[in-house]
C-alpha atoms as a PDB file:
ATOM      1  CA  MET A   1      14.045  51.402  50.835  1.00  0.00           C
ATOM      2  CA  ASN A   2      10.782  53.380  51.579  1.00  0.00           C
ATOM      3  CA  ASN A   3       9.472  50.228  53.334  1.00  0.00           C
ATOM      4  CA  ILE A   4      12.461  50.148  55.488  1.00  0.00           C
ATOM      5  CA  LYS A   5      12.090  53.833  56.530  1.00  0.00           C
ATOM      6  CA  LEU A   6       8.381  53.261  57.206  1.00  0.00           C
ATOM      7  CA  LEU A   7       9.156  50.155  59.147  1.00  0.00           C
ATOM      8  CA  PHE A   8      11.780  52.389  61.171  1.00  0.00           C
ATOM      9  CA  ALA A   9       9.407  55.116  61.752  1.00  0.00           C
ATOM     10  CA  LEU A  10       6.746  52.844  63.073  1.00  0.00           C
ATOM     11  CA  CYS A  11       9.111  51.031  65.354  1.00  0.00           C
ATOM     12  CA  LEU A  12      10.414  54.492  66.641  1.00  0.00           C
ATOM     13  CA  SER A  13       6.765  55.639  67.230  1.00  0.00           C
ATOM     14  CA  LEU A  14       5.819  52.492  69.229  1.00  0.00           C
ATOM     15  CA  LEU A  15       8.989  52.873  71.391  1.00  0.00           C
ATOM     16  CA  LEU A  16       8.078  56.577  72.198  1.00  0.00           C
ATOM     17  CA  THR A  17       4.512  55.695  72.877  1.00  0.00           C
ATOM     18  CA  ALA A  18       5.483  52.825  75.206  1.00  0.00           C
ATOM     19  CA  CYS A  19       7.964  55.264  77.048  1.00  0.00           C
ATOM     20  CA  ALA A  20       5.155  57.920  77.370  1.00  0.00           C
ATOM     21  CA  MET A  21       2.823  55.330  78.896  1.00  0.00           C
ATOM     22  CA  GLY A  22       5.175  54.354  81.770  1.00  0.00           C
ATOM     23  CA  PRO A  23       4.356  55.128  85.351  1.00  0.00           C
ATOM     24  CA  GLN A  24       4.711  58.802  86.248  1.00  0.00           C
ATOM     25  CA  LEU A  25       5.665  60.173  89.533  1.00  0.00           C
ATOM     26  CA  ALA A  26       3.184  62.628  90.972  1.00  0.00           C
ATOM     27  CA  GLN A  27       4.239  66.064  92.393  1.00  0.00           C
ATOM     28  CA  PRO A  28       4.047  66.188  96.097  1.00  0.00           C
ATOM     29  CA  ASN A  29       1.040  68.365  95.873  1.00  0.00           C
ATOM     30  CA  GLN A  30      -0.914  65.945  93.849  1.00  0.00           C
ATOM     31  CA  LEU A  31      -0.820  63.268  96.497  1.00  0.00           C
ATOM     32  CA  ARG A  32      -2.747  62.707  99.664  1.00  0.00           C
ATOM     33  CA  SER A  33      -0.630  62.722 102.719  1.00  0.00           C
ATOM     34  CA  PRO A  34      -0.883  59.669 104.943  1.00  0.00           C
ATOM     35  CA  THR A  35      -1.997  60.480 108.609  1.00  0.00           C
ATOM     36  CA  PRO A  36       0.919  59.970 110.807  1.00  0.00           C
ATOM     37  CA  ILE A  37       0.610  58.674 114.554  1.00  0.00           C
ATOM     38  CA  GLN A  38       1.093  61.642 116.825  1.00  0.00           C
ATOM     39  CA  ASP A  39       3.577  59.708 119.028  1.00  0.00           C
ATOM     40  CA  ASN A  40       6.289  57.134 118.789  1.00  0.00           C
ATOM     41  CA  SER A  41       4.191  53.937 119.169  1.00  0.00           C
ATOM     42  CA  GLY A  42       4.225  53.076 115.355  1.00  0.00           C
ATOM     43  CA  SER A  43       6.719  50.644 113.755  1.00  0.00           C
ATOM     44  CA  TYR A  44       8.534  53.215 111.852  1.00  0.00           C
ATOM     45  CA  MET A  45       9.788  56.426 113.226  1.00  0.00           C
ATOM     46  CA  SER A  46       9.745  59.649 111.290  1.00  0.00           C
ATOM     47  CA  PRO A  47      12.941  61.560 110.779  1.00  0.00           C
ATOM     48  CA  TYR A  48      10.952  64.886 111.223  1.00  0.00           C
ATOM     49  CA  THR A  49       9.272  65.994 114.549  1.00  0.00           C
ATOM     50  CA  SER A  50       5.858  67.312 114.622  1.00  0.00           C
ATOM     51  CA  ASP A  51       7.256  70.934 114.254  1.00  0.00           C
ATOM     52  CA  GLY A  52       9.016  70.029 111.043  1.00  0.00           C
ATOM     53  CA  VAL A  53      12.634  69.953 112.134  1.00  0.00           C
ATOM     54  CA  LEU A  54      14.848  66.933 111.806  1.00  0.00           C
ATOM     55  CA  ALA A  55      14.724  64.541 114.869  1.00  0.00           C
ATOM     56  CA  GLU A  56      17.905  64.323 116.908  1.00  0.00           C
ATOM     57  CA  TRP A  57      18.724  60.750 115.706  1.00  0.00           C
ATOM     58  CA  VAL A  58      19.057  61.885 112.116  1.00  0.00           C
ATOM     59  CA  ASN A  59      22.409  63.582 112.709  1.00  0.00           C
ATOM     60  CA  ASN A  60      23.590  60.464 114.277  1.00  0.00           C
ATOM     61  CA  ALA A  61      22.199  58.347 111.446  1.00  0.00           C
ATOM     62  CA  ARG A  62      24.133  60.358 108.819  1.00  0.00           C
ATOM     63  CA  ASN A  63      27.108  58.312 110.015  1.00  0.00           C
ATOM     64  CA  ALA A  64      25.188  55.113 109.909  1.00  0.00           C
ATOM     65  CA  GLU A  65      25.322  54.907 106.118  1.00  0.00           C
ATOM     66  CA  MET A  66      29.053  53.932 106.662  1.00  0.00           C
ATOM     67  CA  GLY A  67      27.953  51.338 109.239  1.00  0.00           C
ATOM     68  CA  SER A  68      25.417  49.973 106.908  1.00  0.00           C
ATOM     69  CA  SER A  69      27.875  49.526 104.074  1.00  0.00           C
ATOM     70  CA  ILE A  70      30.131  47.720 106.434  1.00  0.00           C
ATOM     71  CA  GLY A  71      27.422  45.341 107.382  1.00  0.00           C
ATOM     72  CA  GLY A  72      26.583  44.823 103.656  1.00  0.00           C
ATOM     73  CA  MET A  73      30.248  44.020 102.936  1.00  0.00           C
ATOM     74  CA  ALA A  74      30.298  41.632 105.931  1.00  0.00           C
ATOM     75  CA  GLY A  75      27.236  39.951 104.597  1.00  0.00           C
ATOM     76  CA  ALA A  76      28.561  39.782 101.160  1.00  0.00           C
ATOM     77  CA  TYR A  77      31.531  37.941 102.481  1.00  0.00           C
ATOM     78  CA  ALA A  78      29.416  35.661 104.520  1.00  0.00           C
ATOM     79  CA  GLY A  79      27.262  35.030 101.556  1.00  0.00           C
ATOM     80  CA  GLN A  80      30.592  34.178  99.427  1.00  0.00           C
ATOM     81  CA  LYS A  81      31.536  31.670 102.209  1.00  0.00           C
ATOM     82  CA  LEU A  82      27.960  30.117 102.413  1.00  0.00           C
ATOM     83  CA  ALA A  83      27.915  29.957  98.479  1.00  0.00           C
ATOM     84  CA  GLU A  84      30.921  27.756  98.548  1.00  0.00           C
ATOM     85  CA  ASN A  85      28.926  25.214 100.555  1.00  0.00           C
ATOM     86  CA  ILE A  86      25.308  26.136  99.503  1.00  0.00           C
ATOM     87  CA  PRO A  87      25.374  26.846  95.711  1.00  0.00           C
ATOM     88  CA  PHE A  88      22.105  28.813  95.194  1.00  0.00           C
ATOM     89  CA  PHE A  89      20.932  29.898  98.705  1.00  0.00           C
ATOM     90  CA  GLY A  90      24.265  31.003  99.986  1.00  0.00           C
ATOM     91  CA  GLY A  91      24.269  34.381  98.214  1.00  0.00           C
ATOM     92  CA  MET A  92      20.642  35.140  99.271  1.00  0.00           C
ATOM     93  CA  LEU A  93      21.416  34.180 102.849  1.00  0.00           C
ATOM     94  CA  GLY A  94      24.465  36.313 102.714  1.00  0.00           C
ATOM     95  CA  GLN A  95      22.539  39.265 101.443  1.00  0.00           C
ATOM     96  CA  ALA A  96      20.007  38.884 104.278  1.00  0.00           C
ATOM     97  CA  VAL A  97      22.681  38.574 106.871  1.00  0.00           C
ATOM     98  CA  GLY A  98      24.462  41.746 105.369  1.00  0.00           C
ATOM     99  CA  GLU A  99      21.158  43.785 105.528  1.00  0.00           C
ATOM    100  CA  SER A 100      20.594  42.564 109.257  1.00  0.00           C
ATOM    101  CA  ILE A 101      24.143  43.359 110.255  1.00  0.00           C
ATOM    102  CA  GLY A 102      24.010  46.753 108.454  1.00  0.00           C
ATOM    103  CA  ARG A 103      20.808  47.569 109.932  1.00  0.00           C
ATOM    104  CA  GLU A 104      22.109  46.725 113.534  1.00  0.00           C
ATOM    105  CA  VAL A 105      25.220  48.850 112.906  1.00  0.00           C
ATOM    106  CA  ALA A 106      23.210  51.689 111.616  1.00  0.00           C
ATOM    107  CA  LEU A 107      20.860  51.653 114.764  1.00  0.00           C
ATOM    108  CA  GLU A 108      23.832  51.597 117.053  1.00  0.00           C
ATOM    109  CA  MET A 109      25.413  54.612 115.255  1.00  0.00           C
ATOM    110  CA  ALA A 110      22.101  56.426 115.477  1.00  0.00           C
ATOM    111  CA  GLY A 111      22.032  55.964 119.201  1.00  0.00           C
ATOM    112  CA  GLY A 112      19.992  52.831 119.437  1.00  0.00           C
ATOM    113  CA  GLU A 113      16.376  52.164 119.227  1.00  0.00           C
ATOM    114  CA  GLU A 114      15.653  53.928 122.458  1.00  0.00           C
ATOM    115  CA  VAL A 115      17.250  57.148 121.185  1.00  0.00           C
ATOM    116  CA  ILE A 116      15.311  56.953 117.864  1.00  0.00           C
ATOM    117  CA  ARG A 117      11.875  56.513 119.658  1.00  0.00           C
ATOM    118  CA  GLY A 118      12.820  59.082 122.298  1.00  0.00           C
ATOM    119  CA  SER A 119      13.576  61.786 119.832  1.00  0.00           C
ATOM    120  CA  SER A 120      10.690  60.878 117.420  1.00  0.00           C
ATOM    121  CA  ASP A 121       7.115  62.286 118.109  1.00  0.00           C
ATOM    122  CA  ILE A 122       5.606  60.981 114.886  1.00  0.00           C
ATOM    123  CA  SER A 123       5.489  57.365 113.601  1.00  0.00           C
ATOM    124  CA  PHE A 124       3.824  55.077 111.116  1.00  0.00           C
ATOM    125  CA  ASN A 125       2.819  51.519 111.107  1.00  0.00           C
ATOM    126  CA  SER A 126       3.694  51.232 107.353  1.00  0.00           C
ATOM    127  CA  LEU A 127       6.939  52.114 105.749  1.00  0.00           C
ATOM    128  CA  GLN A 128       5.010  52.991 102.554  1.00  0.00           C
ATOM    129  CA  ASP A 129       2.958  55.566 104.544  1.00  0.00           C
ATOM    130  CA  LEU A 130       6.241  56.985 105.990  1.00  0.00           C
ATOM    131  CA  ALA A 131       7.611  57.361 102.540  1.00  0.00           C
ATOM    132  CA  VAL A 132       4.680  58.995 100.952  1.00  0.00           C
ATOM    133  CA  TRP A 133       4.248  61.383 103.989  1.00  0.00           C
ATOM    134  CA  MET A 134       7.983  62.375 103.927  1.00  0.00           C
ATOM    135  CA  TYR A 135       7.636  63.021 100.078  1.00  0.00           C
ATOM    136  CA  VAL A 136       4.390  64.910 100.242  1.00  0.00           C
ATOM    137  CA  ASN A 137       5.310  66.956 103.336  1.00  0.00           C
ATOM    138  CA  HIS A 138       9.061  67.356 103.379  1.00  0.00           C
ATOM    139  CA  SER A 139      10.538  66.854  99.913  1.00  0.00           C
ATOM    140  CA  SER A 140      11.243  70.466  99.443  1.00  0.00           C
ATOM    141  CA  HIS A 141      13.052  70.574 102.948  1.00  0.00           C
ATOM    142  CA  PRO A 142      16.658  71.443 102.461  1.00  0.00           C
ATOM    143  CA  HIS A 143      17.745  68.378 104.354  1.00  0.00           C
ATOM    144  CA  TYR A 144      15.356  66.022 102.880  1.00  0.00           C
ATOM    145  CA  GLN A 145      17.908  63.788 101.329  1.00  0.00           C
ATOM    146  CA  ASP A 146      19.815  63.488 104.641  1.00  0.00           C
ATOM    147  CA  ALA A 147      16.526  62.462 106.355  1.00  0.00           C
ATOM    148  CA  LEU A 148      15.834  59.977 103.507  1.00  0.00           C
ATOM    149  CA  ASN A 149      19.273  58.501 103.724  1.00  0.00           C
ATOM    150  CA  SER A 150      18.797  58.223 107.498  1.00  0.00           C
ATOM    151  CA  VAL A 151      15.600  56.260 107.217  1.00  0.00           C
ATOM    152  CA  MET A 152      17.112  54.038 104.683  1.00  0.00           C
ATOM    153  CA  SER A 153      20.036  53.230 106.867  1.00  0.00           C
ATOM    154  CA  ILE A 154      17.552  52.328 109.771  1.00  0.00           C
ATOM    155  CA  TYR A 155      15.030  50.713 107.522  1.00  0.00           C
ATOM    156  CA  PRO A 156      17.038  48.956 104.674  1.00  0.00           C
ATOM    157  CA  GLU A 157      13.761  47.827 102.982  1.00  0.00           C
ATOM    158  CA  MET A 158      13.156  51.581 102.093  1.00  0.00           C
ATOM    159  CA  LYS A 159      16.108  51.511  99.805  1.00  0.00           C
ATOM    160  CA  THR A 160      14.696  49.001  97.543  1.00  0.00           C
ATOM    161  CA  ASN A 161      10.965  50.002  97.865  1.00  0.00           C
ATOM    162  CA  TYR A 162      10.969  53.885  98.118  1.00  0.00           C
ATOM    163  CA  MET A 163      10.335  54.612  94.310  1.00  0.00           C
ATOM    164  CA  GLN A 164       7.782  51.843  94.203  1.00  0.00           C
ATOM    165  CA  TYR A 165       5.910  53.277  97.120  1.00  0.00           C
ATOM    166  CA  LEU A 166       5.709  56.640  95.410  1.00  0.00           C
ATOM    167  CA  TYR A 167       4.767  55.183  92.137  1.00  0.00           C
ATOM    168  CA  ASN A 168       2.009  53.247  94.024  1.00  0.00           C
ATOM    169  CA  ALA A 169       0.773  56.550  95.653  1.00  0.00           C
ATOM    170  CA  SER A 170       0.885  58.223  92.233  1.00  0.00           C
ATOM    171  CA  ALA A 171      -1.214  55.457  90.613  1.00  0.00           C
ATOM    172  CA  GLY A 172      -3.561  55.666  93.538  1.00  0.00           C
ATOM    173  CA  ALA A 173      -3.990  59.390  92.742  1.00  0.00           C
ATOM    174  CA  GLY A 174      -4.565  58.695  89.013  1.00  0.00           C
ATOM    175  CA  VAL A 175      -1.374  60.286  87.833  1.00  0.00           C
ATOM    176  CA  GLY A 176       0.044  59.040  84.649  1.00  0.00           C
ATOM    177  CA  TYR A 177      -2.619  56.248  84.131  1.00  0.00           C
END
């Protein structure tokens, strides 16, 4: 009986140690802020202007989340239909189609590429730089979640990579490792 208790305590301590050793997210003030491009010539537009307020397109893009969801549903349906004919690749192709349609709908609801570029005076060439810059400089902003959701609607790859970008930056800063 004592051996079982000892084995249980050992397993529990290993589990707790493994949890404590996982990646940790740095606080915004612990990370170095990427340097933005001070115009709209980059590939990814900032939802914040240089004076720290939300860009005009963010208000429009709040509605884009619904459009993005519609696109995702259309893609899922397309994937289902493709899957009937192409067993393995149909679902993956349908997801890609859904993301593409969702992005197009989100762009249209935000006013189009021209409005987004026209109302942005900060941009980035890397989505990771945009994510880390937003986190470091604006995560305490009262409308940060709206801004992040807007960026995720316009740049769907941000949805799946946002936390990884922040963990990468945290690891680079030596936090939690």
